[in-house]
């Protein structure tokens, strides 16, 4: 009986052992499947992460090429009113033969029938640049090539292209074109838009504003936009009133005014802001850009006191037979006298309306004047050799007493290649009806008039330090003045590049 029981017990134990083995094997297989699945998910996630990282890096590399080219385009347009194709024989970093849009058929002047056709053309040209080595540039993450065809053709003889609008194509490869993990094709379109003042007062160099200054909007609704900025240092005396933001790029210490708006200037303190774009101030360049009905009443103030009408050939190139007259210290033409000893044109209270361009000369209003309203009037003073600070001469405006009722050329009061100074009870424009304009200085400006106001905005770009006798002043200052900012008045010159379209023409 006992033996039989033992045999039965041993048989049951043997069956339990087999079942346990099966269970262990089953659990092991299940755990292995879970582990394998987790590893597969992790590997896939790492692969996707690498692909995503490579995708983003390839975009950053292509954008580097786009940004570098747009910077060259901005510089060429600002300095010389020229286009900047890439490649170009004149480029220091993208040297080679210029690649133009097709001269006929699909793609003339960049006008393609389909997006695919444009993409195919751009990729083919960029691949040619890669093969030739032209324009291949290295970055920390990869390589890129850039293509910027000349702008649309404006005339064939002489050949002139439009520098104000264009397209840039960039092809990137990560880590390199020789061993590409990923390529990326990016297209960007740009256009030069009219510079619109973002500040009531904008300076490129050191700026001082004193306690007697009030800067506000033309209405209370735009007070918050009536700000002050300098790309250098800012100093204040006392508590000037500014309803908009006050900022500087370089450290100015703690700039505080009880009359700064706490809404736009927390704690009534000025803030630090990155450098802001400045418009191109170059009178001869502006002359070539001038247009519109104002040209009918435009007068060139030329050497020897000769006054000529506007000419498409450039300042003072109109035929002598069209002369309006010859001014001197004793003879006035349209209310202007000319002092040959100082090469200065002098406005009088009898100055007639119009736009006056003093070619390589200074402008003054003399002394002992009464507050006489004149207008519409715009005055522009060009410098001799404006691009060479060491030899730059003339281009200064010193204006006082003669109130300007309205600008003759849209949105310009006074435009000085060099320095601009206003003094003595000067009123420029009005808020009702609205008549606004810009006070523009290529170098420094001092708006230091008692009981004065100006409607519009003030820009001084500080291209050159121009102490007397080349200029009128050594630093920019706003004092004893009220500035009414008009944020909706576009400036008369286009000089700021704006990206109007950005497309990812991605490769593999």
Protein backbone atom coordinates (compact mmCIF):
# COMPACT_ATOMS: atom_id res chain seq x y z
CA UNK A 1 0.00 0.00 0.00
CA UNK A 2 2.77 2.40 0.90
CA UNK A 3 4.70 1.45 -2.22
CA UNK A 4 1.67 2.18 -4.36
CA UNK A 5 1.26 5.59 -2.73
CA UNK A 6 4.88 6.45 -3.30
CA UNK A 7 4.65 5.54 -6.98
CA UNK A 8 1.57 7.76 -7.38
CA UNK A 9 3.25 10.66 -5.58
CA UNK A 10 6.38 10.40 -7.72
CA UNK A 11 4.25 10.31 -10.88
CA UNK A 12 2.46 13.54 -9.85
CA UNK A 13 5.74 15.22 -9.05
CA UNK A 14 7.06 14.29 -12.48
CA UNK A 15 4.01 15.78 -14.15
CA UNK A 16 4.35 19.00 -12.08
CA UNK A 17 7.97 19.33 -13.14
CA UNK A 18 7.06 19.08 -16.81
CA UNK A 19 4.32 21.63 -16.40
CA UNK A 20 6.69 24.00 -14.59
CA UNK A 21 9.25 23.68 -17.34
CA UNK A 22 6.62 24.54 -19.91
CA UNK A 23 5.56 27.53 -17.81
CA UNK A 24 9.14 28.77 -17.42
CA UNK A 25 9.75 28.47 -21.15
CA UNK A 26 6.51 30.32 -21.91
CA UNK A 27 7.30 33.18 -19.52
CA UNK A 28 10.82 33.43 -20.92
CA UNK A 29 9.53 33.66 -24.47
CA UNK A 30 7.03 36.35 -23.41
CA UNK A 31 9.70 38.40 -21.66
CA UNK A 32 12.00 38.01 -24.67
CA UNK A 33 9.25 39.26 -26.99
CA UNK A 34 8.64 42.28 -24.75
CA UNK A 35 12.35 43.03 -24.55
CA UNK A 36 12.78 42.64 -28.31
CA UNK A 37 9.82 44.92 -28.90
CA UNK A 38 11.22 47.54 -26.51
CA UNK A 39 14.60 47.38 -28.21
CA UNK A 40 13.00 47.73 -31.62
CA UNK A 41 10.97 50.72 -30.44
CA UNK A 42 14.06 52.31 -28.92
CA UNK A 43 16.14 51.71 -32.04
CA UNK A 44 13.36 53.10 -34.23
CA UNK A 45 13.00 56.13 -31.95
CA UNK A 46 16.75 56.75 -32.08
CA UNK A 47 16.69 56.44 -35.85
CA UNK A 48 13.80 58.87 -36.12
CA UNK A 49 15.56 61.25 -33.73
CA UNK A 50 18.71 61.12 -35.84
CA UNK A 51 16.69 61.69 -38.98
CA UNK A 52 14.87 64.61 -37.37
CA UNK A 53 18.11 66.10 -36.11
CA UNK A 54 19.71 65.73 -39.52
CA UNK A 55 16.62 67.27 -41.10
CA UNK A 56 16.80 70.32 -38.82
CA UNK A 57 20.56 70.64 -39.21
CA UNK A 58 20.27 70.58 -43.01
CA UNK A 59 17.71 73.38 -42.78
CA UNK A 60 20.01 75.45 -40.56
CA UNK A 61 22.90 75.00 -43.00
CA UNK A 62 20.76 76.10 -45.96
CA UNK A 63 19.50 79.10 -44.01
CA UNK A 64 23.10 80.10 -43.34
CA UNK A 65 23.60 80.45 -47.08
CA UNK A 66 20.34 82.37 -47.48
CA UNK A 67 21.20 84.80 -44.67
CA UNK A 68 24.73 85.40 -45.91
CA UNK A 69 23.49 86.17 -49.42
CA UNK A 70 20.74 88.50 -48.20
CA UNK A 71 23.34 90.39 -46.18
CA UNK A 72 25.41 90.88 -49.35
CA UNK A 73 22.30 91.99 -51.24
CA UNK A 74 21.45 94.52 -48.52
CA UNK A 75 24.99 95.90 -48.53
CA UNK A 76 25.17 96.25 -52.31
CA UNK A 77 21.82 97.99 -52.48
CA UNK A 78 22.52 100.28 -49.53
CA UNK A 79 26.00 101.30 -50.62
CA UNK A 80 25.67 101.52 -54.39
CA UNK A 81 22.07 100.86 -55.44
CA UNK A 82 23.31 97.67 -57.12
CA UNK A 83 22.22 94.07 -57.43
CA UNK A 84 24.40 91.33 -55.90
CA UNK A 85 24.11 88.07 -57.85
CA UNK A 86 25.74 84.91 -56.52
CA UNK A 87 27.92 83.55 -57.92
CA UNK A 88 29.58 86.72 -59.18
CA UNK A 89 33.04 87.61 -60.37
CA UNK A 90 33.06 90.44 -57.82
CA UNK A 91 32.06 88.29 -54.85
CA UNK A 92 34.72 87.53 -52.25
CA UNK A 93 33.09 84.28 -51.11
CA UNK A 94 30.97 83.06 -54.04
CA UNK A 95 33.17 83.70 -57.06
CA UNK A 96 32.19 82.51 -60.51
CA UNK A 97 30.13 83.20 -63.60
CA UNK A 98 26.74 84.77 -62.99
CA UNK A 99 23.81 82.37 -63.42
CA UNK A 100 20.85 84.07 -65.06
CA UNK A 101 17.25 82.99 -65.36
CA UNK A 102 16.49 81.43 -68.78
CA UNK A 103 16.55 84.08 -71.55
CA UNK A 104 13.53 82.54 -73.28
CA UNK A 105 10.79 80.00 -72.74
CA UNK A 106 9.81 78.90 -69.26
CA UNK A 107 11.50 80.86 -66.45
CA UNK A 108 12.20 84.20 -68.16
CA UNK A 109 12.82 86.78 -65.42
CA UNK A 110 12.02 84.04 -62.93
CA UNK A 111 8.47 83.54 -64.19
CA UNK A 112 7.93 79.78 -64.14
CA UNK A 113 4.87 77.88 -65.33
CA UNK A 114 4.97 75.50 -62.37
CA UNK A 115 6.70 75.23 -59.04
CA UNK A 116 8.19 71.88 -60.08
CA UNK A 117 9.81 73.52 -63.12
CA UNK A 118 11.43 76.17 -60.94
CA UNK A 119 12.61 73.58 -58.41
CA UNK A 120 14.10 71.39 -61.14
CA UNK A 121 15.94 74.37 -62.68
CA UNK A 122 17.30 75.57 -59.33
CA UNK A 123 18.46 72.12 -58.23
CA UNK A 124 20.20 71.55 -61.56
CA UNK A 125 22.08 74.85 -61.37
CA UNK A 126 23.02 74.28 -57.72
CA UNK A 127 24.27 70.77 -58.47
CA UNK A 128 26.43 72.26 -61.24
CA UNK A 129 27.94 74.61 -58.65
CA UNK A 130 28.61 71.66 -56.36
CA UNK A 131 30.32 69.75 -59.17
CA UNK A 132 32.48 72.73 -60.14
CA UNK A 133 33.24 73.60 -56.53
CA UNK A 134 32.10 77.17 -57.10
CA UNK A 135 30.41 78.67 -54.04
CA UNK A 136 30.71 75.52 -51.89
CA UNK A 137 30.96 76.80 -48.35
CA UNK A 138 31.62 74.93 -45.10
CA UNK A 139 29.70 75.40 -41.89
CA UNK A 140 30.03 73.69 -38.53
CA UNK A 141 27.29 71.19 -39.46
CA UNK A 142 27.68 70.73 -43.21
CA UNK A 143 28.15 72.41 -46.57
CA UNK A 144 26.02 74.67 -48.78
CA UNK A 145 25.95 76.34 -52.17
CA UNK A 146 23.94 79.43 -53.05
CA UNK A 147 22.37 80.75 -56.24
CA UNK A 148 21.06 84.34 -56.53
CA UNK A 149 20.27 85.26 -60.14
CA UNK A 150 20.24 88.95 -61.11
CA UNK A 151 16.88 90.66 -60.72
CA UNK A 152 14.43 91.09 -63.53
CA UNK A 153 15.78 92.92 -66.56
CA UNK A 154 14.70 96.57 -66.69
CA UNK A 155 16.59 97.51 -69.86
CA UNK A 156 18.91 95.75 -72.31
CA UNK A 157 20.97 98.70 -73.52
CA UNK A 158 22.51 99.45 -71.18
CA UNK A 159 21.76 96.29 -69.23
CA UNK A 160 20.08 97.16 -65.95
CA UNK A 161 18.44 94.76 -63.55
CA UNK A 162 16.03 95.48 -60.72
CA UNK A 163 17.95 95.41 -57.40
CA UNK A 164 14.83 95.81 -55.26
CA UNK A 165 13.42 92.30 -55.73
CA UNK A 166 14.93 88.86 -56.18
CA UNK A 167 15.23 85.22 -55.23
CA UNK A 168 17.86 83.20 -53.40
CA UNK A 169 18.21 79.43 -53.63
CA UNK A 170 20.40 77.42 -51.24
CA UNK A 171 21.27 73.71 -51.32
CA UNK A 172 22.76 72.14 -48.21
CA UNK A 173 24.31 68.73 -47.52
CA UNK A 174 24.95 67.09 -44.15
CA UNK A 175 27.68 66.25 -43.38
CA UNK A 176 29.05 67.08 -46.86
CA UNK A 177 28.25 66.95 -50.57
CA UNK A 178 30.80 64.13 -50.93
CA UNK A 179 29.00 62.00 -48.33
CA UNK A 180 25.47 63.40 -47.99
CA UNK A 181 23.18 61.95 -45.36
CA UNK A 182 20.57 64.51 -46.27
CA UNK A 183 20.29 67.44 -48.68
CA UNK A 184 17.95 70.40 -48.38
CA UNK A 185 16.86 72.90 -51.03
CA UNK A 186 15.46 76.21 -49.77
CA UNK A 187 14.12 79.18 -51.71
CA UNK A 188 13.68 82.69 -50.37
CA UNK A 189 12.21 85.73 -52.10
CA UNK A 190 13.02 89.25 -50.92
CA UNK A 191 11.91 92.78 -51.63
CA UNK A 192 13.20 96.17 -50.50
CA UNK A 193 10.40 97.95 -48.73
CA UNK A 194 10.15 101.65 -47.91
CA UNK A 195 11.78 102.33 -44.58
CA UNK A 196 9.04 103.08 -42.08
CA UNK A 197 10.21 104.81 -38.90
CA UNK A 198 9.66 102.67 -35.82
CA UNK A 199 10.80 105.39 -33.42
CA UNK A 200 10.13 109.09 -33.09
CA UNK A 201 13.90 109.51 -32.67
CA UNK A 202 16.41 106.98 -34.01
CA UNK A 203 20.18 107.46 -33.82
CA UNK A 204 23.12 105.44 -35.02
CA UNK A 205 25.51 107.02 -32.51
CA UNK A 206 25.49 108.57 -29.03
CA UNK A 207 22.34 110.55 -28.26
CA UNK A 208 21.35 112.94 -25.48
CA UNK A 209 17.85 114.13 -24.59
CA UNK A 210 17.19 116.70 -21.88
CA UNK A 211 14.44 117.47 -19.41
CA UNK A 212 12.69 120.01 -21.64
CA UNK A 213 11.96 117.43 -24.34
CA UNK A 214 8.50 115.94 -24.93
CA UNK A 215 8.11 113.06 -27.35
CA UNK A 216 4.58 111.83 -27.95
CA UNK A 217 2.26 110.62 -30.68
CA UNK A 218 0.22 112.72 -33.09
CA UNK A 219 -2.76 111.33 -31.12
CA UNK A 220 -3.05 109.65 -27.74
CA UNK A 221 -3.79 106.38 -29.54
CA UNK A 222 -0.24 106.25 -30.91
CA UNK A 223 1.55 107.62 -27.84
CA UNK A 224 2.81 104.12 -27.05
CA UNK A 225 4.77 104.04 -30.33
CA UNK A 226 6.52 107.40 -29.86
CA UNK A 227 9.85 106.01 -28.69
CA UNK A 228 13.57 106.79 -28.72
CA UNK A 229 16.39 104.42 -29.65
CA UNK A 230 20.10 104.69 -30.30
CA UNK A 231 22.44 102.00 -31.58
CA UNK A 232 25.05 103.45 -29.23
CA UNK A 233 24.80 105.10 -25.80
CA UNK A 234 21.94 107.21 -24.46
CA UNK A 235 22.18 109.95 -21.86
CA UNK A 236 19.44 112.06 -20.33
CA UNK A 237 19.31 115.23 -18.27
CA UNK A 238 16.50 115.63 -15.76
CA UNK A 239 13.17 114.02 -16.62
CA UNK A 240 12.34 114.19 -20.33
CA UNK A 241 8.86 113.06 -21.33
CA UNK A 242 8.69 110.07 -23.68
CA UNK A 243 5.41 108.18 -24.05
CA UNK A 244 6.90 105.29 -26.05
CA UNK A 245 9.76 102.86 -25.42
CA UNK A 246 13.21 104.26 -24.66
CA UNK A 247 16.21 102.04 -25.42
CA UNK A 248 19.85 101.86 -26.41
CA UNK A 249 22.11 99.14 -27.75
CA UNK A 250 25.29 99.94 -25.85
CA UNK A 251 25.27 100.07 -22.08
CA UNK A 252 24.13 103.50 -21.01
CA UNK A 253 24.00 102.95 -17.27
CA UNK A 254 20.64 103.41 -15.60
CA UNK A 255 18.57 105.79 -17.72
CA UNK A 256 15.53 106.81 -15.73
CA UNK A 257 12.90 109.50 -16.01
CA UNK A 258 9.82 110.07 -13.94
CA UNK A 259 8.17 111.08 -17.21
CA UNK A 260 8.92 107.86 -19.09
CA UNK A 261 5.77 105.81 -19.54
CA UNK A 262 5.76 102.89 -17.05
CA UNK A 263 3.76 100.90 -19.60
CA UNK A 264 6.46 100.98 -22.26
CA UNK A 265 9.36 101.48 -19.83
CA UNK A 266 8.85 99.32 -16.72
CA UNK A 267 10.02 101.14 -13.65
CA UNK A 268 10.39 104.27 -15.79
CA UNK A 269 13.75 102.91 -16.96
CA UNK A 270 15.22 102.68 -20.44
CA UNK A 271 15.90 99.18 -21.78
CA UNK A 272 18.60 97.50 -23.86
CA UNK A 273 17.67 96.62 -27.43
CA UNK A 274 19.54 95.06 -30.34
CA UNK A 275 20.77 97.43 -33.08
CA UNK A 276 17.91 98.72 -35.19
CA UNK A 277 18.08 99.10 -38.99
CA UNK A 278 18.91 102.58 -40.23
CA UNK A 279 17.84 103.92 -43.61
CA UNK A 280 20.44 104.81 -46.19
CA UNK A 281 21.17 108.54 -46.01
CA UNK A 282 22.92 109.56 -49.20
CA UNK A 283 21.60 112.64 -50.98
CA UNK A 284 22.98 111.78 -54.41
CA UNK A 285 21.49 108.29 -54.14
CA UNK A 286 18.18 109.78 -53.08
CA UNK A 287 18.30 112.16 -56.03
CA UNK A 288 18.37 109.18 -58.39
CA UNK A 289 15.43 107.58 -56.57
CA UNK A 290 13.29 110.72 -56.47
CA UNK A 291 10.01 110.51 -58.32
CA UNK A 292 6.46 111.79 -58.40
CA UNK A 293 4.76 115.11 -58.88
CA UNK A 294 7.21 116.84 -56.50
CA UNK A 295 9.82 116.84 -59.29
CA UNK A 296 7.83 119.54 -61.08
CA UNK A 297 8.79 121.98 -58.32
CA UNK A 298 12.30 120.60 -57.65
CA UNK A 299 15.26 122.98 -57.97
CA UNK A 300 18.97 122.15 -58.00
CA UNK A 301 21.12 124.71 -56.19
CA UNK A 302 24.40 124.48 -58.10
CA UNK A 303 27.93 125.86 -57.97
CA UNK A 304 28.34 129.56 -58.68
CA UNK A 305 24.80 130.28 -57.44
CA UNK A 306 23.09 128.79 -60.51
CA UNK A 307 19.60 127.34 -59.94
CA UNK A 308 18.47 124.58 -62.34
CA UNK A 309 15.42 122.30 -62.55
CA UNK A 310 15.55 118.59 -61.69
CA UNK A 311 17.34 116.43 -64.25
CA UNK A 312 17.21 112.67 -64.77
CA UNK A 313 20.90 112.89 -65.60
CA UNK A 314 21.78 113.84 -62.04
CA UNK A 315 22.17 116.98 -59.94
CA UNK A 316 22.94 120.18 -61.87
CA UNK A 317 23.03 118.47 -65.27
CA UNK A 318 20.03 120.26 -66.77
CA UNK A 319 20.89 122.52 -69.71
CA UNK A 320 22.10 126.00 -68.77
CA UNK A 321 19.35 127.36 -70.99
CA UNK A 322 16.81 126.07 -68.43
CA UNK A 323 18.43 128.04 -65.60
CA UNK A 324 15.99 129.63 -63.17
CA UNK A 325 18.54 132.30 -62.35
CA UNK A 326 21.89 132.96 -60.70
CA UNK A 327 21.94 133.93 -57.04
CA UNK A 328 24.62 135.81 -55.12
CA UNK A 329 24.97 137.42 -51.71
CA UNK A 330 23.00 140.39 -53.03
CA UNK A 331 20.74 138.76 -55.62
CA UNK A 332 18.07 136.28 -54.56
CA UNK A 333 16.51 133.64 -56.78
CA UNK A 334 13.22 132.21 -55.51
CA UNK A 335 14.14 133.68 -52.13
CA UNK A 336 17.61 132.08 -52.02
CA UNK A 337 20.98 133.86 -51.85
CA UNK A 338 24.37 132.26 -52.40
CA UNK A 339 27.54 132.94 -50.40
CA UNK A 340 30.40 131.80 -52.61
CA UNK A 341 33.03 132.28 -49.87
CA UNK A 342 31.50 129.51 -47.73
CA UNK A 343 29.69 127.62 -50.51
CA UNK A 344 26.42 128.17 -48.66
CA UNK A 345 22.89 128.69 -49.90
CA UNK A 346 20.89 131.00 -47.64
CA UNK A 347 17.11 130.87 -47.44
CA UNK A 348 15.09 134.00 -46.71
CA UNK A 349 11.57 134.67 -45.51
CA UNK A 350 10.65 135.10 -49.18
CA UNK A 351 11.70 131.56 -50.13
CA UNK A 352 9.13 130.15 -52.50
CA UNK A 353 7.59 126.67 -52.14
CA UNK A 354 9.42 123.72 -53.65
CA UNK A 355 12.05 121.05 -53.10
CA UNK A 356 15.56 122.49 -53.07
CA UNK A 357 18.65 120.32 -53.54
CA UNK A 358 21.90 122.06 -52.56
CA UNK A 359 24.50 120.19 -54.58
CA UNK A 360 27.73 119.72 -52.59
CA UNK A 361 26.98 122.80 -50.54
CA UNK A 362 25.72 123.92 -47.14
CA UNK A 363 22.36 125.47 -46.31
CA UNK A 364 21.67 128.21 -43.79
CA UNK A 365 18.91 130.67 -42.96
CA UNK A 366 21.16 133.43 -41.70
CA UNK A 367 20.52 135.37 -38.49
CA UNK A 368 17.98 137.85 -37.21
CA UNK A 369 15.05 136.16 -38.90
CA UNK A 370 11.43 136.44 -37.82
CA UNK A 371 9.09 133.51 -37.43
CA UNK A 372 7.85 133.30 -40.98
CA UNK A 373 5.84 130.34 -42.29
CA UNK A 374 7.10 128.86 -45.56
CA UNK A 375 5.69 125.97 -47.46
CA UNK A 376 5.32 123.52 -48.84
CA UNK A 377 9.12 123.21 -48.58
CA UNK A 378 11.74 120.47 -48.51
CA UNK A 379 15.48 121.16 -48.30
CA UNK A 380 18.21 118.63 -49.15
CA UNK A 381 21.95 119.28 -48.75
CA UNK A 382 24.41 116.90 -50.41
CA UNK A 383 28.02 116.45 -49.37
CA UNK A 384 31.14 116.28 -51.49
CA UNK A 385 32.67 112.78 -51.25
CA UNK A 386 30.00 111.60 -48.78
CA UNK A 387 31.40 108.07 -48.61
CA UNK A 388 34.88 109.16 -47.47
CA UNK A 389 34.72 110.42 -43.92
CA UNK A 390 38.25 111.78 -44.05
CA UNK A 391 37.58 114.07 -47.02
CA UNK A 392 33.84 114.64 -46.72
CA UNK A 393 32.77 118.29 -47.06
CA UNK A 394 29.56 120.33 -47.02
CA UNK A 395 26.10 118.76 -46.84
CA UNK A 396 25.17 120.63 -43.63
CA UNK A 397 21.85 122.32 -42.83
CA UNK A 398 21.45 125.01 -40.16
CA UNK A 399 17.80 126.07 -39.99
CA UNK A 400 16.02 128.49 -37.67
CA UNK A 401 12.87 130.62 -37.40
CA UNK A 402 11.37 129.75 -40.77
CA UNK A 403 8.42 127.50 -39.97
CA UNK A 404 7.59 124.86 -42.55
CA UNK A 405 3.88 124.35 -43.04
CA UNK A 406 4.12 121.18 -45.16
CA UNK A 407 6.83 119.17 -46.95
CA UNK A 408 7.11 119.72 -50.69
CA UNK A 409 8.59 116.25 -51.19
CA UNK A 410 6.47 113.66 -49.36
CA UNK A 411 7.56 113.07 -45.76
CA UNK A 412 10.81 115.08 -45.84
CA UNK A 413 11.40 118.35 -43.99
CA UNK A 414 15.20 118.65 -43.96
CA UNK A 415 17.66 116.09 -45.34
CA UNK A 416 21.38 116.64 -44.61
CA UNK A 417 24.14 114.38 -45.87
CA UNK A 418 26.28 115.58 -42.99
CA UNK A 419 24.96 117.48 -39.92
CA UNK A 420 21.55 118.99 -39.21
CA UNK A 421 20.97 121.75 -36.65
CA UNK A 422 17.70 123.53 -35.91
CA UNK A 423 17.42 126.51 -33.55
CA UNK A 424 15.14 129.35 -32.45
CA UNK A 425 11.39 128.81 -32.22
CA UNK A 426 10.90 126.51 -35.16
CA UNK A 427 7.58 124.84 -36.01
CA UNK A 428 7.50 122.00 -38.52
CA UNK A 429 4.07 120.79 -39.63
CA UNK A 430 0.87 120.30 -37.68
CA UNK A 431 -1.23 117.53 -36.20
CA UNK A 432 -4.55 118.98 -37.43
CA UNK A 433 -4.59 118.96 -40.34
CA UNK A 434 -1.82 116.39 -40.31
CA UNK A 435 1.35 117.57 -42.03
CA UNK A 436 4.34 115.45 -41.09
CA UNK A 437 7.83 114.69 -42.34
CA UNK A 438 11.28 113.48 -41.38
CA UNK A 439 14.34 115.33 -40.16
CA UNK A 440 17.28 113.34 -41.55
CA UNK A 441 21.00 113.60 -40.89
CA UNK A 442 23.64 111.33 -42.37
CA UNK A 443 25.90 112.13 -39.44
CA UNK A 444 24.68 114.04 -36.36
CA UNK A 445 21.64 116.17 -35.55
CA UNK A 446 20.92 118.71 -32.84
CA UNK A 447 17.30 119.73 -32.48
CA UNK A 448 17.75 122.47 -29.90
CA UNK A 449 15.02 125.00 -30.37
CA UNK A 450 13.01 126.72 -27.68
CA UNK A 451 9.22 126.73 -28.02
CA UNK A 452 9.51 124.43 -31.01
CA UNK A 453 7.77 121.37 -32.36
CA UNK A 454 8.15 118.95 -35.24
CA UNK A 455 5.56 116.51 -36.54
CA UNK A 456 7.00 113.27 -37.92
CA UNK A 457 10.28 111.66 -36.87
CA UNK A 458 14.03 112.25 -36.60
CA UNK A 459 16.82 109.98 -37.91
CA UNK A 460 20.55 110.52 -37.57
CA UNK A 461 22.71 107.65 -38.83
CA UNK A 462 26.16 108.78 -37.59
CA UNK A 463 28.02 107.57 -40.68
CA UNK A 464 30.97 109.87 -39.96
CA UNK A 465 32.24 111.93 -37.04
CA UNK A 466 32.07 115.42 -38.54
CA UNK A 467 33.30 118.07 -36.12
CA UNK A 468 33.62 121.64 -37.39
CA UNK A 469 34.63 122.86 -39.88
CA UNK A 470 33.51 119.83 -41.90
CA UNK A 471 30.32 119.56 -39.91
CA UNK A 472 28.38 121.68 -37.48
CA UNK A 473 28.40 119.55 -34.32
CA UNK A 474 30.14 116.61 -32.67
CA UNK A 475 27.24 114.76 -31.06
CA UNK A 476 23.48 114.35 -31.44
CA UNK A 477 21.07 116.00 -29.00
CA UNK A 478 17.36 116.71 -28.66
CA UNK A 479 16.63 119.72 -26.45
CA UNK A 480 13.77 122.16 -25.75
CA UNK A 481 11.54 120.50 -28.30
CA UNK A 482 8.26 118.66 -28.70
CA UNK A 483 8.21 115.84 -31.24
CA UNK A 484 4.86 114.48 -32.43
CA UNK A 485 5.48 111.04 -33.88
CA UNK A 486 3.58 109.94 -36.99
CA UNK A 487 4.03 106.13 -37.23
CA UNK A 488 2.08 105.83 -40.48
CA UNK A 489 4.28 108.13 -42.57
CA UNK A 490 6.45 105.94 -44.77
CA UNK A 491 9.81 107.45 -45.54
CA UNK A 492 10.54 108.49 -49.13
CA UNK A 493 13.35 106.00 -49.65
CA UNK A 494 13.35 102.22 -49.89
CA UNK A 495 16.30 100.60 -48.20
CA UNK A 496 15.26 97.77 -45.89
CA UNK A 497 15.27 94.20 -47.19
CA UNK A 498 12.25 92.10 -46.28
CA UNK A 499 11.79 88.38 -46.87
CA UNK A 500 8.49 88.09 -48.66
CA UNK A 501 8.45 84.31 -49.27
CA UNK A 502 10.23 81.28 -47.84
CA UNK A 503 9.76 77.78 -49.26
CA UNK A 504 11.32 74.44 -48.38
CA UNK A 505 12.15 72.62 -51.61
CA UNK A 506 13.43 69.64 -49.66
CA UNK A 507 15.62 66.96 -51.20
CA UNK A 508 16.15 63.45 -49.93
